[in-house]
Structures are given as C-alpha cells and as structure tokens.
Amino acid sequence: MPNARILVTVLGIALAAVSAAGLVAQSGAGSPEWETLAQAPLPEGVEPILSINSLTLPAEPTPRITQSHTHSGPVVAYILTGEIENQIEPDPPAIHKPGGYFVEPPMHVHRMLRNLSTTEPATLIISQVGRTRVPESLLKPLQEEAAKLLQSQHQWQVPFRTTVNQELRVFRLTLPAGGRAESRAHTGSGLVYVLEGTIRTSAASVPVQTHGAGDLFLDPSYRAGLAFRNTSGSEPAKLLLYQISEKAAQ
C-alpha cells in the first residue's frame, strides 16, 4: 500500500506539472500581436487632416488603371479584397494580396494601380494626411452615415493641430479570443478600423461601445488610450490603428 500511495503522489505531481505547462502555453498564445505597418514623418506644409477612405477597383474586361498622381502627405493603402498591381516611383511594379499594404511617400509619383481580376472587384482602405488628389468619383466614406455623424465617434476625416514635428503611424493589432490591449499612446488625432471580429472599447472619458468588422471610429489623443477587448471566445479580432503623434513621443 505505501508503494501505491507513492505512485499516486508521483502521478499527481506529473499531472499538475502538465496542467501548469498547459496554462503557461495558453497565456502565451493569448498575447495581443502588434505590427507596425508605417511610421512616416509629415511635411510641415501639408494640411493637418487625417482622412480614411475606401477605394473600389471594379472588375472589368480590361482592368482599370488609375492615372498618375501625387499626394502632398504620406499615404498608406491596405488591401481588403482582391489582388492588385501597384507602382510608386522609383520602385518597380509590385503585386499585393488581401492583408498586404503599400506606403506612398509625399510627392512621389503614383504611377499605376490596377485590379488584376476581370471578374472580382478589389477594395482597399486608404489613409492619408492632407487633401486627396484622387478623383472623387473613385472615393467613398467607409461608413454611409459618416458625414452625418461628425459630432459622434464615427468619423472618416479628422483635423489635428499641426504637422510640425509630427508623424503618421499605422499599426495592425490582432487580439486573440477574449484578448485585451490598450491603444498605443499618441498626442494627436487617431482613427481605428475593424478588419475582423467584434470588439468592445472603453476609456476613462469615452462610453463603452461595441464595433464590428467594417466599422471606423475615433481614437482620441491620449497618453494612455482606448482599451480594446475581443468579445469572441473562439475567434481572433483584427484592427488597423491610424495615429498622428509627435516624432519623439513614446
């Protein structure tokens, strides 16, 4: 009987060790993932406006190619659906798929942007500082009622105080099931776009709100920003965060 008790004790210790290892692995798997997509300084002469638009390239027998143009401020484009070919001088043409992105520096010639499919449209979410030079017929707000809700937290264009010593930062945040993270500190305007899933936001001076895929909302300037929580217990959530901040701010 003593030997049996010893065996039971040893097995109990082993099972406890396995369980603890499992908990450690789960806690590691539950960490939010931050990716920096862009960190671009702002020209001092550009208009201090951060805008987010969606661009749809329709499927046509002959894929549409946008005309050459430039932007006074930095542009970051993220591919939501479809497959596109893009060229910004002096770089050669490059192909981007969903989840990919490209950065257009100020006043660089955007030579080409075309949908590679003749059967399916391609959609991009585009952020820029300053007024756009892309034809208005190609642009639309991310939310249909954005223009009517300028006093609420659903905006697609926000002003900020100055471009002096400022930069545009774009992050992709992946929250695991049930995961939580706080927005990176920033001193200027910010906007958040939900790529996947449903999240709940909270902050000291902002009411708790719920946002789903396709929603765009304000991320006010804070040293400690909004808190994001993934409401799903089984699926991850993904966000794009667009922030204006001082170059030296951490």
Protein backbone atom coordinates (compact mmCIF):
# COMPACT_ATOMS: atom_id res chain seq x y z
CA MET A 1 0.00 0.00 0.00
CA PRO A 2 2.79 2.54 0.68
CA ASN A 3 4.10 1.92 -2.83
CA ALA A 4 0.62 2.55 -4.24
CA ARG A 5 0.38 5.82 -2.32
CA ILE A 6 3.80 6.86 -3.62
CA LEU A 7 2.71 6.07 -7.20
CA VAL A 8 -0.48 8.10 -6.80
CA THR A 9 1.54 11.05 -5.42
CA VAL A 10 4.03 10.91 -8.29
CA LEU A 11 1.22 10.76 -10.85
CA GLY A 12 -0.49 13.72 -9.17
CA ILE A 13 2.69 15.80 -9.34
CA ALA A 14 3.18 14.89 -13.00
CA LEU A 15 -0.40 15.81 -13.90
CA ALA A 16 -0.07 19.11 -12.06
CA ALA A 17 3.12 19.89 -13.99
CA VAL A 18 1.44 19.10 -17.31
CA SER A 19 -1.55 21.27 -16.35
CA ALA A 20 0.71 24.18 -15.34
CA ALA A 21 2.63 23.90 -18.61
CA GLY A 22 -0.65 23.99 -20.49
CA LEU A 23 -1.71 27.15 -18.65
CA VAL A 24 1.61 28.81 -19.47
CA ALA A 25 1.22 27.90 -23.14
CA GLN A 26 -2.32 29.24 -23.21
CA SER A 27 -1.31 32.51 -21.59
CA GLY A 28 1.46 32.93 -24.19
CA ALA A 29 -0.97 32.20 -27.02
CA GLY A 30 -3.33 34.82 -25.62
CA SER A 31 -0.99 37.78 -26.07
CA PRO A 32 -2.00 40.58 -28.46
CA GLU A 33 0.15 40.99 -31.57
CA TRP A 34 1.22 44.48 -32.68
CA GLU A 35 2.62 45.08 -36.16
CA THR A 36 3.96 48.44 -37.31
CA LEU A 37 2.92 48.94 -40.94
CA ALA A 38 4.12 52.52 -41.36
CA GLN A 39 5.81 55.35 -39.47
CA ALA A 40 6.02 58.32 -41.84
CA PRO A 41 7.06 61.91 -40.97
CA LEU A 42 4.69 64.68 -42.07
CA PRO A 43 5.76 67.57 -44.32
CA GLU A 44 5.21 70.85 -42.48
CA GLY A 45 3.27 72.41 -45.35
CA VAL A 46 0.60 69.71 -45.66
CA GLU A 47 -2.95 70.41 -44.45
CA PRO A 48 -3.44 68.94 -40.95
CA ILE A 49 -6.25 66.50 -41.77
CA LEU A 50 -6.19 62.72 -41.34
CA SER A 51 -8.61 61.03 -43.72
CA ILE A 52 -9.60 57.42 -44.28
CA ASN A 53 -11.38 56.32 -47.47
CA SER A 54 -12.20 53.10 -49.23
CA LEU A 55 -11.28 52.65 -52.87
CA THR A 56 -13.01 50.06 -55.05
CA LEU A 57 -11.42 48.94 -58.31
CA PRO A 58 -14.22 47.27 -60.30
CA ALA A 59 -13.79 44.10 -62.29
CA GLU A 60 -13.80 44.95 -65.98
CA PRO A 61 -12.83 43.18 -69.22
CA THR A 62 -9.80 45.47 -69.22
CA PRO A 63 -8.59 46.10 -65.65
CA ARG A 64 -8.78 49.79 -64.77
CA ILE A 65 -5.52 51.64 -64.22
CA THR A 66 -5.56 54.84 -62.19
CA GLN A 67 -3.92 57.93 -63.65
CA SER A 68 -0.51 59.06 -62.44
CA HIS A 69 -0.75 61.42 -59.49
CA THR A 70 0.99 62.59 -56.31
CA HIS A 71 -0.06 63.34 -52.73
CA SER A 72 1.23 66.14 -50.53
CA GLY A 73 1.27 63.91 -47.44
CA PRO A 74 2.06 60.23 -46.79
CA VAL A 75 -0.44 57.59 -47.92
CA VAL A 76 -0.87 54.05 -46.58
CA ALA A 77 -3.08 51.63 -48.54
CA TYR A 78 -4.24 48.27 -47.13
CA ILE A 79 -5.76 45.62 -49.40
CA LEU A 80 -9.05 44.26 -48.07
CA THR A 81 -10.17 42.10 -51.01
CA GLY A 82 -8.82 41.19 -54.42
CA GLU A 83 -5.37 41.28 -55.93
CA ILE A 84 -3.82 44.47 -57.24
CA GLU A 85 -0.70 45.65 -59.03
CA ASN A 86 0.79 48.92 -57.88
CA GLN A 87 3.77 51.12 -58.73
CA ILE A 88 5.18 54.11 -56.89
CA GLU A 89 8.33 55.68 -58.31
CA PRO A 90 11.19 54.89 -58.10
CA ASP A 91 10.15 51.31 -57.22
CA PRO A 92 9.12 48.72 -59.86
CA PRO A 93 5.52 47.41 -60.05
CA ALA A 94 4.53 45.08 -57.19
CA ILE A 95 1.58 42.73 -56.61
CA HIS A 96 -0.38 42.91 -53.34
CA LYS A 97 -2.97 40.47 -51.97
CA PRO A 98 -5.50 40.77 -49.11
CA GLY A 99 -3.71 41.67 -45.90
CA GLY A 100 -0.91 43.34 -47.85
CA TYR A 101 -0.24 47.07 -47.93
CA PHE A 102 1.93 49.74 -49.50
CA VAL A 103 3.22 53.13 -48.36
CA GLU A 104 3.35 56.14 -50.69
CA PRO A 105 5.81 58.86 -49.58
CA PRO A 106 4.80 62.51 -50.08
CA MET A 107 5.09 63.82 -53.65
CA HIS A 108 6.31 60.51 -55.08
CA VAL A 109 4.62 59.75 -58.40
CA HIS A 110 1.98 57.04 -58.03
CA ARG A 111 2.36 55.62 -61.49
CA MET A 112 -0.06 52.69 -61.57
CA LEU A 113 -2.78 50.93 -59.55
CA ARG A 114 -4.89 48.24 -61.20
CA ASN A 115 -7.14 45.32 -60.35
CA LEU A 116 -5.62 42.09 -61.64
CA SER A 117 -9.01 40.33 -61.79
CA THR A 118 -11.52 40.73 -64.62
CA THR A 119 -14.28 39.04 -62.59
CA GLU A 120 -14.00 40.30 -58.98
CA PRO A 121 -13.61 43.85 -57.61
CA ALA A 122 -10.68 44.81 -55.41
CA THR A 123 -11.12 47.02 -52.36
CA LEU A 124 -8.55 49.00 -50.41
CA ILE A 125 -8.69 51.14 -47.28
CA ILE A 126 -6.55 54.23 -47.78
CA SER A 127 -5.28 56.65 -45.15
CA GLN A 128 -3.58 59.92 -45.92
CA VAL A 129 -2.65 63.24 -44.40
CA GLY A 130 -3.84 66.27 -46.37
CA ARG A 131 -6.42 66.57 -49.12
CA THR A 132 -6.62 63.77 -51.66
CA ARG A 133 -5.83 64.25 -55.33
CA VAL A 134 -7.58 61.04 -56.34
CA PRO A 135 -10.76 61.70 -58.39
CA GLU A 136 -13.79 62.00 -56.11
CA SER A 137 -15.71 59.50 -58.26
CA LEU A 138 -13.40 56.73 -57.00
CA LEU A 139 -13.74 57.53 -53.32
CA LYS A 140 -16.46 56.86 -50.76
CA PRO A 141 -16.64 57.11 -46.95
CA LEU A 142 -16.06 53.89 -45.05
CA GLN A 143 -19.47 54.32 -43.42
CA GLU A 144 -22.50 55.68 -45.23
CA GLU A 145 -23.55 57.93 -42.39
CA ALA A 146 -20.08 59.22 -41.53
CA ALA A 147 -20.77 62.69 -42.91
CA LYS A 148 -23.88 62.97 -40.70
CA LEU A 149 -22.09 61.92 -37.55
CA LEU A 150 -19.26 64.41 -37.33
CA GLN A 151 -20.02 65.07 -33.66
CA SER A 152 -20.03 61.39 -32.72
CA GLN A 153 -17.24 58.85 -32.64
CA HIS A 154 -17.92 57.65 -36.18
CA GLN A 155 -15.82 59.85 -38.43
CA TRP A 156 -13.85 59.28 -41.59
CA GLN A 157 -11.92 62.55 -41.53
CA VAL A 158 -10.45 64.33 -38.51
CA PRO A 159 -8.37 67.52 -38.21
CA PHE A 160 -5.37 67.92 -35.95
CA ARG A 161 -3.50 70.93 -34.64
CA THR A 162 -0.21 70.98 -36.59
CA THR A 163 2.09 68.93 -38.81
CA VAL A 164 5.27 70.35 -37.23
CA ASN A 165 7.38 67.54 -35.75
CA GLN A 166 4.51 65.07 -36.34
CA GLU A 167 4.31 61.66 -37.98
CA LEU A 168 1.66 59.20 -39.19
CA ARG A 169 1.76 55.80 -37.54
CA VAL A 170 -0.22 52.79 -38.77
CA PHE A 171 -0.47 49.60 -36.71
CA ARG A 172 -2.23 46.27 -37.20
CA LEU A 173 -3.40 44.76 -33.90
CA THR A 174 -4.50 41.13 -33.62
CA LEU A 175 -6.44 40.28 -30.47
CA PRO A 176 -6.80 36.56 -29.65
CA ALA A 177 -10.14 35.20 -28.48
CA GLY A 178 -11.10 37.12 -25.35
CA GLY A 179 -7.90 39.17 -25.62
CA ARG A 180 -7.41 42.76 -24.46
CA ALA A 181 -4.97 45.55 -25.34
CA GLU A 182 -4.62 49.30 -24.91
CA SER A 183 -4.08 51.71 -27.78
CA ARG A 184 -0.54 52.97 -28.21
CA ALA A 185 -0.05 56.42 -26.69
CA HIS A 186 -0.32 59.26 -29.23
CA THR A 187 -0.55 63.02 -28.95
CA GLY A 188 -2.72 63.80 -31.99
CA SER A 189 -5.78 62.51 -33.80
CA GLY A 190 -6.42 58.81 -34.34
CA LEU A 191 -8.86 56.53 -36.15
CA VAL A 192 -9.44 52.79 -35.79
CA TYR A 193 -10.82 50.45 -38.46
CA VAL A 194 -12.08 46.96 -37.54
CA LEU A 195 -10.83 44.38 -40.04
CA GLU A 196 -12.23 41.23 -38.42
CA GLY A 197 -14.35 40.26 -35.44
CA THR A 198 -16.22 42.29 -32.84
CA ILE A 199 -14.55 44.40 -30.17
CA ARG A 200 -15.63 46.45 -27.16
CA THR A 201 -13.87 49.73 -26.41
CA SER A 202 -13.59 51.62 -23.12
CA ALA A 203 -11.71 54.57 -21.67
CA ALA A 204 -11.98 56.94 -18.74
CA SER A 205 -13.76 59.68 -20.72
CA VAL A 206 -15.35 57.59 -23.51
CA PRO A 207 -18.53 55.48 -23.16
CA VAL A 208 -18.23 51.71 -23.66
CA GLN A 209 -19.02 50.89 -27.28
CA THR A 210 -19.13 47.78 -29.47
CA HIS A 211 -17.75 47.76 -33.03
CA GLY A 212 -17.79 45.10 -35.73
CA ALA A 213 -15.91 44.41 -38.96
CA GLY A 214 -16.07 47.42 -41.29
CA ASP A 215 -16.61 49.98 -38.50
CA LEU A 216 -14.45 53.08 -38.23
CA PHE A 217 -14.23 55.09 -35.01
CA LEU A 218 -12.26 57.82 -33.29
CA ASP A 219 -9.23 57.12 -31.13
CA PRO A 220 -8.80 60.41 -29.18
CA SER A 221 -5.33 61.72 -28.38
CA TYR A 222 -4.24 60.24 -25.07
CA ARG A 223 -1.03 59.32 -23.38
CA ALA A 224 -2.93 56.19 -22.36
CA GLY A 225 -5.54 55.45 -24.98
CA LEU A 226 -8.59 53.30 -25.53
CA ALA A 227 -8.79 49.74 -24.26
CA PHE A 228 -9.87 47.12 -26.81
CA ARG A 229 -11.38 43.75 -25.88
CA ASN A 230 -12.23 40.94 -28.29
CA THR A 231 -15.79 39.86 -27.42
CA SER A 232 -15.39 36.43 -29.06
CA GLY A 233 -14.34 33.44 -27.02
CA SER A 234 -13.23 31.46 -30.06
CA GLU A 235 -12.14 33.77 -32.90
CA PRO A 236 -9.45 36.48 -33.15
CA ALA A 237 -10.18 40.12 -33.96
CA LYS A 238 -8.03 42.44 -36.10
CA LEU A 239 -7.79 46.24 -36.11
CA LEU A 240 -5.98 48.91 -38.06
CA LEU A 241 -4.92 51.90 -35.95
CA TYR A 242 -4.07 55.22 -37.61
CA GLN A 243 -2.43 57.76 -35.33
CA ILE A 244 -0.89 61.23 -35.57
CA SER A 245 1.76 61.82 -32.93
CA GLU A 246 4.94 63.72 -32.15
CA LYS A 247 8.02 62.07 -33.62
CA ALA A 248 9.67 61.75 -30.23
CA ALA A 249 6.57 60.54 -28.36
CA GLN A 250 6.66 57.02 -26.97
